[in-house]
Amino acid sequence: MADPVFIQKQVKDNTEDLHNFVRDLKLWEEEMKRKDRQLSNDQKEEIFPPVRRAKISNNVPTKKPNSDNITKKRIPSYDYKTWDQFDVDKACEEIDTKDNKSESEDENENEEEKARQEEKYKKEMALYEKEIGNKHVKAGKWDEAIESYSRAIAAYSRDPIFYANRALCYLKKKKFQAAEMDCEASLKLDSTYVKAYLRCAAAHEALCRYEDARHKLRCALQLEPNNVQAQRDLERLTNQVTKNPIKESETKQSEAKVQKQDNEKEPESVAAKQINVTNKILENSKTEPVKECRTEPNWQHSDSTILPISKPPHLRSKKPLKRIEIHDVGLNMPKHVCVRLAQVKPQDLPGTSESSMSSSPAQSSTGPKPRSILTLNPSSSTCKGLPPPPKTSVQFHISWNGIKSDNKLCYQFLKQIPGEELPEIFKESLESRTFTSIVQILALEFTAAGDEVLPYLQGLAKVRRFSTLVLFMSPADKTNLTTLFDYCTQKTEASPDEIARLRKLYELL
């Protein structure tokens, strides 16, 4: 074990050495500062006053006072003559002008800062949409990728990569005109983007415009002479054109016609061309049929289509959204909707008159009747029809909302569904209102008809959100459940232990 006296002596020596080192360091620092000041004083040129009766040299610099640096002398309080000559209004105006200038400068700086922040936010949003589009491209989802790149272009339209990437998706969808327009827009923004040249050449080749395709490939080779893809495509196109001279002449004639039409048109501005490019892309996306997606409906957008607006968070509205009631119109239409539609007369419709209806009775009797939703009656089968058994919670809620005003239809609808399938149908989307209405129908209709109730109670207890639904049960729900369990005990649908277990799950014990 070490001697404590020796350790204490060693610590004391170490502290003395440390103090000496710090003192030497401070002395060295002060010496350096002193030498630095001495050198700076030596470098300054000292200007002495001129000798008596000697001519003052013109080399001596004379400091002229600036008008800006001259501060106005303060008027003493006892100098009444000067105070009488002092213009108070003028002094106040000068102060106000200074304040207004400072405020305007601050406002301009704030506006510039806001503009920079908005542009930065738009760029970030566009890059985010671009990354989503790239993921869709890797997965082969071309429609989703086109939507993502379109949103990126709407947020920030000065990046050529967005147009080129969307052109690739249009090529995969075989929309060659749209791909060509996107490539041209990308090249207008950046004339050195090689990928845009290659994709534009592919679009020209698909449209049988071989000379344009070769021209784009030559431009790409001028920028990147060692590009293997451009070399291979150019060689293949030249061989194809030389083998088929008829195609070459046809392409030249079509190009000459296009040039004549372009020369006849008036020159447009760059902004107008960009707008036309986007409009043409939208039109082509509507008119060109897609072979891979024939099952999808052909939606036609009207002029009153509302496009989404991207706003930064600090400019968005803080008002709460309005709740809109939506009625299901279809096979399971509510009765009050059918009655209202049946009460509407044809004379009340726009574009119809009594003269037009009375002038052609023969046409109305013999000709085909126009299809309209107003031909529905409250007694028709569409209003009172029984919905088919659902497979998902969405189908159940749609059907249930259409027939919930009629207890008999609700009873028949639930009778189609086995109680064991309720957990698979609802999963996590059973609402408290639906739960209450189901329990009510079971207590009113099923008990009156003498049907089994226990499978439905067991199925509802297996739903994932069952514990939350039990917490929000009303006294009426608890009374209905007690009547149902009493009914089960009377009919001996299950053992008393099973019924007691269910009562405990429903928190009725």
Protein backbone atom coordinates (compact mmCIF):
# COMPACT_ATOMS: atom_id res chain seq x y z
CA MET A 1 0.00 0.00 0.00
CA ALA A 2 1.40 3.46 -0.94
CA ASP A 3 2.47 5.97 1.69
CA PRO A 4 -0.16 8.75 2.05
CA VAL A 5 2.45 11.33 3.01
CA PHE A 6 4.40 10.63 -0.17
CA ILE A 7 1.25 10.92 -2.29
CA GLN A 8 0.33 14.24 -0.65
CA LYS A 9 3.83 15.62 -1.33
CA GLN A 10 3.64 14.50 -4.98
CA VAL A 11 0.25 16.22 -5.44
CA LYS A 12 1.61 19.43 -3.94
CA ASP A 13 4.61 19.39 -6.31
CA ASN A 14 2.34 18.81 -9.28
CA THR A 15 0.13 21.78 -8.38
CA GLU A 16 3.16 24.04 -8.06
CA ASP A 17 4.42 22.95 -11.48
CA LEU A 18 0.98 23.62 -12.98
CA HIS A 19 0.82 27.13 -11.48
CA ASN A 20 4.29 27.92 -12.83
CA PHE A 21 3.29 26.74 -16.31
CA VAL A 22 0.14 28.87 -16.35
CA ARG A 23 2.06 31.93 -15.15
CA ASP A 24 4.67 31.51 -17.89
CA LEU A 25 1.92 31.14 -20.45
CA LYS A 26 0.25 34.41 -19.38
CA LEU A 27 3.58 36.25 -19.48
CA TRP A 28 4.24 34.97 -22.99
CA GLU A 29 0.76 36.08 -24.11
CA GLU A 30 1.25 39.58 -22.73
CA GLU A 31 4.65 39.85 -24.41
CA MET A 32 3.16 38.83 -27.77
CA LYS A 33 0.40 41.43 -27.47
CA ARG A 34 2.91 44.13 -26.59
CA LYS A 35 5.07 43.31 -29.62
CA ASP A 36 1.99 43.26 -31.87
CA ARG A 37 0.95 46.73 -30.71
CA GLN A 38 4.47 48.01 -31.22
CA LEU A 39 4.60 46.71 -34.78
CA SER A 40 1.21 48.20 -35.63
CA ASN A 41 2.27 51.62 -34.27
CA ASP A 42 5.50 51.56 -36.28
CA GLN A 43 3.62 50.90 -39.52
CA LYS A 44 1.37 53.95 -39.12
CA GLU A 45 2.54 57.09 -40.87
CA GLU A 46 2.81 59.91 -38.39
CA ILE A 47 1.87 63.33 -39.78
CA PHE A 48 3.58 66.18 -37.97
CA PRO A 49 2.44 69.82 -38.09
CA PRO A 50 4.23 72.01 -40.69
CA VAL A 51 7.29 74.08 -39.82
CA ARG A 52 6.81 77.79 -39.26
CA ARG A 53 6.99 79.94 -42.38
CA ALA A 54 7.24 76.86 -44.56
CA LYS A 55 4.95 75.99 -47.41
CA ILE A 56 2.47 73.27 -46.65
CA SER A 57 2.99 70.32 -48.95
CA ASN A 58 0.08 69.12 -50.99
CA ASN A 59 0.82 65.50 -50.04
CA VAL A 60 -0.62 65.92 -46.57
CA PRO A 61 -4.07 64.33 -46.58
CA THR A 62 -6.86 66.60 -45.47
CA LYS A 63 -9.98 65.08 -44.06
CA LYS A 64 -13.13 66.63 -45.38
CA PRO A 65 -16.09 66.26 -43.11
CA ASN A 66 -18.92 64.30 -44.62
CA SER A 67 -22.32 65.82 -44.50
CA ASP A 68 -23.67 62.49 -43.28
CA ASN A 69 -21.31 62.35 -40.33
CA ILE A 70 -22.08 65.90 -39.16
CA THR A 71 -24.49 65.67 -36.29
CA LYS A 72 -26.71 68.57 -35.62
CA LYS A 73 -25.80 70.58 -32.62
CA ARG A 74 -28.18 70.46 -29.75
CA ILE A 75 -29.88 73.80 -29.09
CA PRO A 76 -29.46 74.90 -25.49
CA SER A 77 -32.57 75.62 -23.49
CA TYR A 78 -31.72 79.30 -22.87
CA ASP A 79 -31.22 80.17 -26.57
CA TYR A 80 -34.73 81.48 -27.24
CA LYS A 81 -33.85 83.15 -30.55
CA THR A 82 -32.74 79.83 -32.06
CA TRP A 83 -35.79 78.09 -30.67
CA ASP A 84 -38.01 80.67 -32.37
CA GLN A 85 -36.38 79.84 -35.73
CA PHE A 86 -36.61 76.05 -35.19
CA ASP A 87 -39.14 74.32 -37.48
CA VAL A 88 -40.86 71.61 -35.44
CA ASP A 89 -43.01 70.29 -38.30
CA LYS A 90 -40.00 69.75 -40.51
CA ALA A 91 -38.18 67.87 -37.78
CA CYS A 92 -41.22 65.64 -37.19
CA GLU A 93 -41.50 64.92 -40.92
CA GLU A 94 -37.84 63.89 -41.04
CA ILE A 95 -38.37 61.52 -38.14
CA ASP A 96 -41.52 60.07 -39.77
CA THR A 97 -39.75 59.57 -43.11
CA LYS A 98 -36.92 57.74 -41.36
CA ASP A 99 -39.40 55.50 -39.55
CA ASN A 100 -41.36 54.82 -42.75
CA LYS A 101 -38.19 53.93 -44.63
CA SER A 102 -37.14 51.50 -41.92
CA GLU A 103 -40.63 49.94 -41.83
CA SER A 104 -40.77 49.57 -45.63
CA GLU A 105 -37.32 48.00 -45.66
CA ASP A 106 -38.38 45.57 -42.95
CA GLU A 107 -41.55 44.68 -44.86
CA ASN A 108 -39.60 44.09 -48.07
CA GLU A 109 -37.15 41.88 -46.21
CA ASN A 110 -40.01 39.92 -44.66
CA GLU A 111 -41.70 39.45 -48.03
CA GLU A 112 -38.47 38.27 -49.62
CA GLU A 113 -37.91 35.88 -46.73
CA LYS A 114 -41.45 34.51 -47.09
CA ALA A 115 -40.98 34.06 -50.83
CA ARG A 116 -37.72 32.19 -50.24
CA GLN A 117 -39.34 29.97 -47.64
CA GLU A 118 -42.29 29.19 -49.91
CA GLU A 119 -39.99 28.32 -52.79
CA LYS A 120 -37.90 26.13 -50.50
CA TYR A 121 -41.04 24.41 -49.25
CA LYS A 122 -42.26 23.81 -52.82
CA LYS A 123 -38.89 22.32 -53.77
CA GLU A 124 -38.99 20.00 -50.78
CA MET A 125 -42.53 18.90 -51.63
CA ALA A 126 -41.55 18.31 -55.25
CA LEU A 127 -38.52 16.23 -54.24
CA TYR A 128 -40.69 14.22 -51.86
CA GLU A 129 -43.19 13.46 -54.65
CA LYS A 130 -40.29 12.58 -56.94
CA GLU A 131 -38.98 10.01 -54.45
CA ILE A 132 -42.47 8.46 -54.23
CA GLY A 133 -42.61 8.34 -58.02
CA ASN A 134 -39.22 6.62 -58.16
CA LYS A 135 -40.50 3.94 -55.76
CA HIS A 136 -43.56 3.39 -57.98
CA VAL A 137 -41.30 3.10 -61.04
CA LYS A 138 -39.20 0.43 -59.33
CA ALA A 139 -42.39 -1.45 -58.47
CA GLY A 140 -43.73 -1.08 -62.04
CA LYS A 141 -46.77 1.02 -61.00
CA TRP A 142 -46.74 3.44 -63.92
CA ASP A 143 -50.08 5.20 -63.26
CA GLU A 144 -49.16 5.99 -59.64
CA ALA A 145 -45.72 7.19 -60.78
CA ILE A 146 -47.31 9.54 -63.34
CA GLU A 147 -49.52 11.03 -60.62
CA SER A 148 -46.55 11.54 -58.30
CA TYR A 149 -44.43 13.23 -60.99
CA SER A 150 -47.40 15.41 -61.99
CA ARG A 151 -47.74 16.59 -58.39
CA ALA A 152 -44.01 17.31 -58.31
CA ILE A 153 -44.29 19.40 -61.50
CA ALA A 154 -47.29 21.27 -60.07
CA ALA A 155 -45.27 22.13 -56.96
CA TYR A 156 -42.04 23.09 -58.77
CA SER A 157 -42.05 23.21 -62.58
CA ARG A 158 -38.42 24.24 -63.18
CA ASP A 159 -36.73 20.88 -62.71
CA PRO A 160 -36.11 18.96 -65.97
CA ILE A 161 -35.79 15.62 -64.15
CA PHE A 162 -39.49 15.57 -63.27
CA TYR A 163 -40.55 15.88 -66.92
CA ALA A 164 -38.02 13.26 -68.08
CA ASN A 165 -39.14 10.76 -65.43
CA ARG A 166 -42.78 11.25 -66.34
CA ALA A 167 -41.86 10.78 -70.01
CA LEU A 168 -40.39 7.38 -69.11
CA CYS A 169 -43.70 6.38 -67.53
CA TYR A 170 -45.61 7.55 -70.61
CA LEU A 171 -43.31 5.44 -72.77
CA LYS A 172 -44.08 2.38 -70.65
CA LYS A 173 -47.82 3.16 -71.00
CA LYS A 174 -47.35 3.59 -74.79
CA LYS A 175 -48.48 7.23 -74.72
CA PHE A 176 -45.77 8.42 -77.07
CA GLN A 177 -47.07 11.92 -77.82
CA ALA A 178 -47.26 12.77 -74.13
CA ALA A 179 -43.76 11.38 -73.64
CA GLU A 180 -42.47 13.51 -76.53
CA MET A 181 -43.99 16.69 -75.04
CA ASP A 182 -42.49 15.98 -71.63
CA CYS A 183 -39.07 15.41 -73.17
CA GLU A 184 -39.29 18.70 -75.09
CA ALA A 185 -40.25 20.52 -71.88
CA SER A 186 -37.29 18.93 -70.09
CA LEU A 187 -34.88 19.95 -72.85
CA LYS A 188 -36.18 23.53 -72.77
CA LEU A 189 -35.20 23.69 -69.12
CA ASP A 190 -31.85 21.90 -69.57
CA SER A 191 -30.47 21.38 -73.07
CA THR A 192 -27.62 19.17 -71.75
CA TYR A 193 -29.80 16.47 -70.20
CA VAL A 194 -28.86 13.28 -72.05
CA LYS A 195 -31.65 11.07 -70.71
CA ALA A 196 -34.25 13.45 -72.11
CA TYR A 197 -32.65 13.15 -75.57
CA LEU A 198 -32.68 9.34 -75.39
CA ARG A 199 -36.31 9.15 -74.26
CA CYS A 200 -37.38 11.70 -76.86
CA ALA A 201 -35.64 9.59 -79.52
CA ALA A 202 -37.57 6.53 -78.31
CA ALA A 203 -40.85 8.47 -78.59
CA HIS A 204 -39.97 9.66 -82.13
CA GLU A 205 -39.11 6.13 -83.16
CA ALA A 206 -42.44 4.81 -81.87
CA LEU A 207 -44.21 7.57 -83.85
CA CYS A 208 -42.25 6.54 -87.02
CA ARG A 209 -40.29 9.82 -87.08
CA TYR A 210 -36.89 8.29 -87.67
CA GLU A 211 -35.04 11.45 -88.72
CA ASP A 212 -36.06 13.24 -85.52
CA ALA A 213 -34.99 10.23 -83.50
CA ARG A 214 -31.59 10.17 -85.19
CA HIS A 215 -31.19 13.89 -84.62
CA LYS A 216 -31.86 13.49 -80.88
CA LEU A 217 -29.40 10.61 -80.67
CA ARG A 218 -26.71 12.70 -82.41
CA CYS A 219 -27.27 15.50 -79.89
CA ALA A 220 -26.90 12.99 -77.06
CA LEU A 221 -23.64 11.71 -78.58
CA GLN A 222 -22.27 15.25 -78.86
CA LEU A 223 -22.76 15.63 -75.11
CA GLU A 224 -21.61 12.10 -74.22
CA PRO A 225 -19.58 10.54 -77.05
CA ASN A 226 -19.08 7.28 -75.12
CA ASN A 227 -22.77 6.63 -74.48
CA VAL A 228 -23.29 2.99 -75.49
CA GLN A 229 -27.08 3.12 -75.67
CA ALA A 230 -27.10 6.15 -77.97
CA GLN A 231 -24.51 4.56 -80.27
CA ARG A 232 -26.43 1.30 -80.47
CA ASP A 233 -29.79 2.99 -81.13
CA LEU A 234 -28.33 5.31 -83.77
CA GLU A 235 -26.70 2.41 -85.59
CA ARG A 236 -29.92 0.40 -85.48
CA LEU A 237 -31.98 3.32 -86.82
CA THR A 238 -29.56 4.08 -89.64
CA ASN A 239 -29.64 0.43 -90.73
CA GLN A 240 -33.42 0.42 -90.58
CA VAL A 241 -33.75 3.61 -92.64
CA THR A 242 -31.24 2.46 -95.26
CA LYS A 243 -33.07 -0.86 -95.66
CA ASN A 244 -36.45 0.87 -96.07
CA PRO A 245 -35.99 4.02 -98.22
CA ILE A 246 -39.77 4.34 -98.62
CA LYS A 247 -40.18 4.97 -94.93
CA GLU A 248 -37.43 7.55 -95.08
CA SER A 249 -39.20 9.52 -97.83
CA GLU A 250 -42.52 9.31 -95.96
CA THR A 251 -40.95 10.61 -92.78
CA LYS A 252 -39.31 13.49 -94.67
CA GLN A 253 -42.65 14.48 -96.23
CA SER A 254 -44.41 14.39 -92.86
CA GLU A 255 -41.63 16.50 -91.32
CA ALA A 256 -41.95 19.08 -94.12
CA LYS A 257 -45.70 19.34 -93.53
CA VAL A 258 -45.16 19.82 -89.81
CA GLN A 259 -42.59 22.57 -90.45
CA LYS A 260 -45.01 24.41 -92.78
CA GLN A 261 -47.76 24.30 -90.18
CA ASP A 262 -45.39 25.58 -87.51
CA ASN A 263 -44.29 28.48 -89.72
CA GLU A 264 -47.90 29.50 -90.38
CA LYS A 265 -48.70 29.71 -86.67
CA GLU A 266 -47.92 32.86 -84.72
CA PRO A 267 -44.98 32.71 -82.31
CA GLU A 268 -46.00 32.07 -78.74
CA SER A 269 -44.26 33.05 -75.53
CA VAL A 270 -42.38 30.56 -73.40
CA ALA A 271 -44.95 30.65 -70.58
CA ALA A 272 -47.84 30.06 -72.97
CA LYS A 273 -46.01 27.12 -74.56
CA GLN A 274 -45.48 25.50 -71.20
CA ILE A 275 -49.21 25.85 -70.42
CA ASN A 276 -50.09 24.34 -73.80
CA VAL A 277 -47.71 21.45 -73.17
CA THR A 278 -49.46 20.53 -69.93
CA ASN A 279 -52.92 20.89 -71.53
CA LYS A 280 -51.93 18.65 -74.44
CA ILE A 281 -50.60 16.04 -72.06
CA LEU A 282 -53.90 16.00 -70.21
CA GLU A 283 -55.87 15.77 -73.47
CA ASN A 284 -53.72 12.93 -74.75
CA SER A 285 -54.09 11.09 -71.48
CA LYS A 286 -57.89 11.32 -71.96
CA THR A 287 -58.13 10.51 -75.66
CA GLU A 288 -55.50 7.81 -76.07
CA PRO A 289 -56.83 4.36 -75.12
CA VAL A 290 -54.68 2.19 -72.90
CA LYS A 291 -54.67 -1.50 -73.78
CA GLU A 292 -53.50 -2.62 -70.37
CA CYS A 293 -56.34 -0.88 -68.45
CA ARG A 294 -59.45 -1.58 -70.52
CA THR A 295 -61.57 -2.45 -67.48
CA GLU A 296 -61.23 1.02 -65.95
CA PRO A 297 -64.03 3.53 -66.74
CA ASN A 298 -63.25 6.39 -69.08
CA TRP A 299 -63.82 9.44 -66.87
CA GLN A 300 -64.38 12.70 -68.71
CA HIS A 301 -63.33 15.82 -66.82
CA SER A 302 -65.40 18.92 -67.39
CA ASP A 303 -64.22 22.51 -67.42
CA SER A 304 -65.36 22.93 -63.83
CA THR A 305 -62.86 20.37 -62.49
CA ILE A 306 -61.33 21.57 -59.22
CA LEU A 307 -57.59 20.96 -59.07
CA PRO A 308 -55.74 20.55 -55.76
CA ILE A 309 -53.84 23.53 -54.36
CA SER A 310 -50.66 23.02 -52.35
CA LYS A 311 -50.23 25.64 -49.62
CA PRO A 312 -47.57 25.85 -46.91
CA PRO A 313 -48.78 25.13 -43.37
CA HIS A 314 -48.67 28.77 -42.20
CA LEU A 315 -51.03 29.85 -45.02
CA ARG A 316 -53.64 27.13 -44.54
CA SER A 317 -57.04 27.86 -43.00
CA LYS A 318 -57.56 27.13 -39.32
CA LYS A 319 -61.37 26.86 -39.59
CA PRO A 320 -62.94 23.44 -38.91
CA LEU A 321 -64.25 21.46 -41.87
CA LYS A 322 -67.98 21.27 -42.52
CA ARG A 323 -69.74 17.92 -42.20
CA ILE A 324 -71.83 17.00 -45.25
CA GLU A 325 -74.55 14.36 -45.08
CA ILE A 326 -74.25 11.77 -47.87
CA HIS A 327 -77.21 9.63 -48.95
CA ASP A 328 -76.62 6.28 -50.61
CA VAL A 329 -78.38 6.21 -54.00
CA GLY A 330 -78.66 2.74 -55.49
CA LEU A 331 -80.43 -0.54 -54.84
CA ASN A 332 -80.81 0.22 -51.15
CA MET A 333 -82.15 3.76 -51.31
CA PRO A 334 -83.91 5.17 -48.20
CA LYS A 335 -87.67 5.62 -48.41
CA HIS A 336 -87.70 9.37 -47.85
CA VAL A 337 -85.29 9.85 -50.77
CA CYS A 338 -87.49 7.76 -53.06
CA VAL A 339 -90.59 9.69 -52.01
CA ARG A 340 -88.92 13.03 -52.67
CA LEU A 341 -87.71 11.93 -56.09
CA ALA A 342 -91.13 10.57 -57.00
CA GLN A 343 -92.78 13.88 -56.08
CA VAL A 344 -90.65 15.80 -58.60
CA LYS A 345 -92.58 16.58 -61.79
CA PRO A 346 -91.04 16.56 -65.29
CA GLN A 347 -92.18 20.18 -65.78
CA ASP A 348 -89.86 21.25 -62.97
CA LEU A 349 -86.82 19.96 -64.81
CA PRO A 350 -84.69 22.46 -66.77
CA GLY A 351 -85.06 22.39 -70.54
CA THR A 352 -88.59 20.91 -70.54
CA SER A 353 -91.86 22.73 -71.18
CA GLU A 354 -95.52 21.88 -71.59
CA SER A 355 -95.44 22.68 -75.30
CA SER A 356 -92.57 20.29 -75.93
CA MET A 357 -94.33 17.56 -73.97
CA SER A 358 -97.77 18.08 -75.57
CA SER A 359 -96.46 18.57 -79.12
CA SER A 360 -95.18 15.03 -79.49
CA PRO A 361 -97.48 12.58 -77.69
CA ALA A 362 -96.81 9.91 -80.26
CA GLN A 363 -93.10 10.03 -79.57
CA SER A 364 -93.69 9.67 -75.84
CA SER A 365 -95.93 6.64 -76.40
CA THR A 366 -93.91 4.87 -79.06
CA GLY A 367 -90.36 6.13 -78.59
CA PRO A 368 -87.95 4.85 -75.95
CA LYS A 369 -88.30 6.49 -72.56
CA PRO A 370 -85.26 8.42 -71.29
CA ARG A 371 -83.37 6.88 -68.40
CA SER A 372 -83.72 9.00 -65.28
CA ILE A 373 -83.60 8.53 -61.55
CA LEU A 374 -86.95 10.31 -61.26
CA THR A 375 -88.88 7.22 -62.43
CA LEU A 376 -88.45 5.62 -58.98
CA ASN A 377 -91.52 4.98 -56.81
CA PRO A 378 -91.64 4.45 -53.05
CA SER A 379 -93.34 1.12 -53.66
CA SER A 380 -90.72 -0.13 -56.13
CA SER A 381 -88.53 -3.11 -55.39
CA THR A 382 -85.37 -0.97 -55.33
CA CYS A 383 -86.48 0.76 -52.14
CA LYS A 384 -87.79 -2.36 -50.40
CA GLY A 385 -85.29 -4.89 -51.77
CA LEU A 386 -83.31 -7.09 -49.38
CA PRO A 387 -79.54 -6.53 -49.70
CA PRO A 388 -77.28 -9.54 -50.27
CA PRO A 389 -75.18 -10.86 -47.37
CA PRO A 390 -72.05 -8.69 -46.93
CA LYS A 391 -68.45 -9.81 -46.96
CA THR A 392 -66.79 -6.67 -45.57
CA SER A 393 -67.65 -4.00 -43.02
CA VAL A 394 -68.08 -1.38 -45.76
CA GLN A 395 -70.74 -3.48 -47.50
CA PHE A 396 -72.48 -4.10 -44.17
CA HIS A 397 -72.61 -0.40 -43.24
CA ILE A 398 -73.88 0.62 -46.69
CA SER A 399 -76.65 -1.97 -46.63
CA TRP A 400 -77.52 -1.35 -42.98
CA ASN A 401 -77.79 2.43 -43.43
CA GLY A 402 -80.18 1.86 -46.33
CA ILE A 403 -82.58 -0.39 -44.38
CA LYS A 404 -82.14 0.64 -40.75
CA SER A 405 -85.50 2.48 -40.78
CA ASP A 406 -87.32 -0.84 -41.43
CA ASN A 407 -86.96 -3.39 -38.58
CA LYS A 408 -88.34 -6.26 -40.68
CA LEU A 409 -85.72 -5.77 -43.40
CA CYS A 410 -83.00 -5.49 -40.76
CA TYR A 411 -84.19 -8.77 -39.23
CA GLN A 412 -84.15 -10.54 -42.62
CA PHE A 413 -80.73 -9.03 -43.41
CA LEU A 414 -79.20 -10.25 -40.12
CA LYS A 415 -80.85 -13.63 -40.58
CA GLN A 416 -78.75 -14.15 -43.74
CA ILE A 417 -75.49 -13.64 -41.80
CA PRO A 418 -74.26 -16.42 -39.48
CA GLY A 419 -73.25 -15.10 -36.09
CA GLU A 420 -69.80 -16.73 -36.30
CA GLU A 421 -68.91 -14.60 -39.34
CA LEU A 422 -69.41 -11.23 -37.61
CA PRO A 423 -65.76 -10.95 -36.38
CA GLU A 424 -64.46 -11.63 -39.91
CA ILE A 425 -66.84 -9.06 -41.41
CA PHE A 426 -66.30 -6.20 -38.96
CA LYS A 427 -62.68 -6.80 -37.80
CA GLU A 428 -61.82 -3.36 -36.32
CA SER A 429 -64.53 -1.17 -37.84
CA LEU A 430 -67.66 -1.84 -35.76
CA GLU A 431 -69.20 1.47 -34.67
CA SER A 432 -71.12 1.99 -31.44
CA ARG A 433 -74.29 3.08 -33.31
CA THR A 434 -74.26 -0.08 -35.42
CA PHE A 435 -73.66 -2.19 -32.31
CA THR A 436 -76.65 -0.56 -30.58
CA SER A 437 -78.96 -1.08 -33.56
CA ILE A 438 -77.95 -4.75 -33.92
CA VAL A 439 -78.64 -5.41 -30.23
CA GLN A 440 -82.00 -3.65 -30.58
CA ILE A 441 -83.03 -5.79 -33.59
CA LEU A 442 -81.98 -8.94 -31.75
CA ALA A 443 -84.05 -7.98 -28.71
CA LEU A 444 -87.15 -6.94 -30.69
CA GLU A 445 -87.37 -9.16 -33.77
CA PHE A 446 -85.33 -12.27 -33.05
CA THR A 447 -86.96 -12.90 -29.67
CA ALA A 448 -90.42 -12.33 -31.13
CA ALA A 449 -89.73 -14.83 -33.94
CA GLY A 450 -88.18 -17.38 -31.54
CA ASP A 451 -84.82 -17.52 -33.40
CA GLU A 452 -81.42 -18.23 -31.90
CA VAL A 453 -79.61 -15.22 -30.45
CA LEU A 454 -76.58 -16.73 -28.72
CA PRO A 455 -74.38 -17.10 -31.91
CA TYR A 456 -74.77 -13.36 -32.58
CA LEU A 457 -73.85 -12.44 -29.01
CA GLN A 458 -70.80 -14.71 -29.18
CA GLY A 459 -69.77 -13.25 -32.55
CA LEU A 460 -70.07 -9.65 -31.32
CA ALA A 461 -67.99 -10.52 -28.25
CA LYS A 462 -65.13 -11.71 -30.53
CA VAL A 463 -64.87 -8.38 -32.42
CA ARG A 464 -61.57 -6.62 -31.73
CA ARG A 465 -63.09 -3.35 -30.52
CA PHE A 466 -65.63 -5.09 -28.27
CA SER A 467 -64.14 -3.85 -24.97
CA THR A 468 -64.36 -0.24 -26.17
CA LEU A 469 -67.95 -0.69 -27.33
CA VAL A 470 -68.96 -2.11 -23.95
CA LEU A 471 -67.59 0.98 -22.19
CA PHE A 472 -69.92 3.28 -24.15
CA MET A 473 -73.11 1.21 -23.77
CA SER A 474 -76.24 3.13 -22.78
CA PRO A 475 -78.79 1.94 -20.16
CA ALA A 476 -81.14 0.96 -23.01
CA ASP A 477 -78.42 -1.29 -24.48
CA LYS A 478 -77.91 -2.98 -21.10
CA THR A 479 -81.64 -3.62 -20.70
CA ASN A 480 -81.81 -5.14 -24.21
CA LEU A 481 -78.82 -7.36 -23.43
CA THR A 482 -80.36 -8.57 -20.15
CA THR A 483 -83.55 -9.52 -22.00
CA LEU A 484 -81.46 -11.38 -24.58
CA PHE A 485 -79.56 -13.36 -21.95
CA ASP A 486 -82.79 -14.18 -20.12
CA TYR A 487 -84.21 -15.38 -23.43
CA CYS A 488 -81.14 -17.60 -23.94
CA THR A 489 -81.52 -19.14 -20.48
CA GLN A 490 -85.20 -19.86 -21.09
CA LYS A 491 -84.49 -21.57 -24.43
CA THR A 492 -81.38 -23.31 -23.01
CA GLU A 493 -79.30 -22.42 -26.06
CA ALA A 494 -76.11 -22.95 -24.04
CA SER A 495 -74.89 -24.05 -20.66
CA PRO A 496 -75.29 -21.70 -17.67
CA ASP A 497 -71.50 -21.36 -17.42
CA GLU A 498 -71.27 -20.11 -21.03
CA ILE A 499 -74.10 -17.62 -20.46
CA ALA A 500 -72.45 -16.40 -17.25
CA ARG A 501 -69.15 -15.96 -19.11
CA LEU A 502 -70.87 -13.87 -21.78
CA ARG A 503 -72.63 -11.77 -19.12
CA LYS A 504 -69.22 -11.06 -17.59
CA LEU A 505 -67.82 -10.06 -21.01
CA TYR A 506 -70.74 -7.68 -21.54
CA GLU A 507 -70.19 -6.35 -17.97
CA LEU A 508 -73.71 -7.19 -16.84
CA LEU A 509 -72.66 -8.95 -13.62
